[in-house]
Amino acid sequence: MRTGSHQFKNIDLMEDNLMPIKVRKKAVPSPSHRLAYSKREVAALLGVSERSLNNWVKEGRIVARKAGSRLLFPVKALEDFLSGTDSTGTPEVMS
């Protein structure tokens, strides 16, 4: 064995010598199985600004949960908001 020198094999990178690589895909739930949406996603879905969403959360018009520094909007809260009911199922009075 020689020290201080390295031997490298020549690698032929011709396309016919390439092996297919198997890539593992992350298991991502389908949209119908999501539990919550981000503030950016909800703003885009509702066509409002993220600032409006923040105000609505502060006013109690829509429910959001903190996850670290992020606000997450549970699917159930969005359904309640869009149907005009609060989280208890009571119809909200719109002014």
Protein backbone atom coordinates (compact mmCIF):
# COMPACT_ATOMS: atom_id res chain seq x y z
CA MET A 1 0.00 0.00 0.00
CA ARG A 2 1.37 3.36 -1.02
CA THR A 3 0.88 6.35 1.24
CA GLY A 4 0.41 9.89 0.06
CA SER A 5 -1.03 9.01 -3.33
CA HIS A 6 -4.63 8.36 -4.23
CA GLN A 7 -5.90 6.23 -6.99
CA PHE A 8 -9.23 7.13 -8.56
CA LYS A 9 -11.25 4.93 -10.80
CA ASN A 10 -12.47 6.45 -14.01
CA ILE A 11 -16.23 6.70 -13.85
CA ASP A 12 -18.04 6.53 -17.15
CA LEU A 13 -21.05 8.85 -16.89
CA MET A 14 -22.61 7.75 -20.13
CA GLU A 15 -26.40 7.80 -19.85
CA ASP A 16 -26.75 4.08 -20.46
CA ASN A 17 -24.56 3.35 -17.40
CA LEU A 18 -26.69 5.37 -14.97
CA MET A 19 -28.76 3.46 -12.46
CA PRO A 20 -32.24 4.69 -11.56
CA ILE A 21 -32.47 6.14 -8.07
CA LYS A 22 -35.39 5.25 -5.87
CA VAL A 23 -36.69 8.30 -4.08
CA ARG A 24 -38.83 7.99 -0.99
CA LYS A 25 -41.79 10.30 -0.97
CA LYS A 26 -43.01 11.80 2.27
CA ALA A 27 -46.47 10.76 3.30
CA VAL A 28 -48.44 13.98 2.84
CA PRO A 29 -52.11 13.88 3.73
CA SER A 30 -54.47 14.74 0.94
CA PRO A 31 -56.18 18.14 1.24
CA SER A 32 -59.38 16.44 2.38
CA HIS A 33 -57.51 14.99 5.37
CA ARG A 34 -55.70 18.12 6.51
CA LEU A 35 -56.19 19.18 10.10
CA ALA A 36 -55.20 22.82 9.74
CA TYR A 37 -54.03 25.51 7.32
CA SER A 38 -51.39 28.21 7.69
CA LYS A 39 -52.26 31.89 7.88
CA ARG A 40 -50.94 32.44 4.34
CA GLU A 41 -53.07 29.58 2.96
CA VAL A 42 -56.24 30.79 4.71
CA ALA A 43 -55.69 34.36 3.53
CA ALA A 44 -55.35 33.13 -0.06
CA LEU A 45 -58.39 30.85 0.23
CA LEU A 46 -60.59 33.61 1.65
CA GLY A 47 -59.14 36.38 -0.52
CA VAL A 48 -58.16 38.58 2.42
CA SER A 49 -54.90 39.85 3.84
CA GLU A 50 -52.99 38.15 6.63
CA ARG A 51 -53.49 41.33 8.65
CA SER A 52 -57.28 40.90 8.35
CA LEU A 53 -56.95 37.34 9.63
CA ASN A 54 -54.94 38.57 12.61
CA ASN A 55 -57.67 41.10 13.38
CA TRP A 56 -60.41 38.48 13.06
CA VAL A 57 -58.55 36.18 15.47
CA LYS A 58 -58.18 39.03 18.00
CA GLU A 59 -61.90 39.85 17.63
CA GLY A 60 -62.83 36.18 18.10
CA ARG A 61 -64.47 35.93 14.66
CA ILE A 62 -62.28 32.97 13.65
CA VAL A 63 -60.39 30.45 15.76
CA ALA A 64 -56.65 29.91 15.34
CA ARG A 65 -54.09 27.97 17.34
CA LYS A 66 -50.49 28.93 18.03
CA ALA A 67 -47.85 26.39 17.01
CA GLY A 68 -44.59 27.98 18.06
CA SER A 69 -44.52 31.29 16.24
CA ARG A 70 -47.06 30.16 13.62
CA LEU A 71 -50.81 30.58 13.58
CA LEU A 72 -52.69 27.51 12.39
CA PHE A 73 -56.35 27.52 11.44
CA PRO A 74 -58.10 24.20 12.13
CA VAL A 75 -60.33 22.99 9.30
CA LYS A 76 -63.31 22.86 11.69
CA ALA A 77 -62.77 26.54 12.61
CA LEU A 78 -62.77 27.49 8.92
CA GLU A 79 -65.95 25.50 8.31
CA ASP A 80 -67.62 27.20 11.28
CA PHE A 81 -66.47 30.63 10.11
CA LEU A 82 -67.77 30.07 6.58
CA SER A 83 -71.09 28.66 7.78
CA GLY A 84 -71.59 31.58 10.15
CA THR A 85 -71.46 29.53 13.37
CA ASP A 86 -69.01 29.70 16.24
CA SER A 87 -67.09 26.73 17.64
CA THR A 88 -70.08 25.75 19.82
CA GLY A 89 -72.41 25.53 16.81
CA THR A 90 -74.30 28.70 17.76
CA PRO A 91 -75.09 30.99 14.81
CA GLU A 92 -73.11 34.21 14.93
CA VAL A 93 -74.82 37.54 14.54
CA MET A 94 -73.29 39.37 11.59
CA SER A 95 -73.25 43.14 11.79
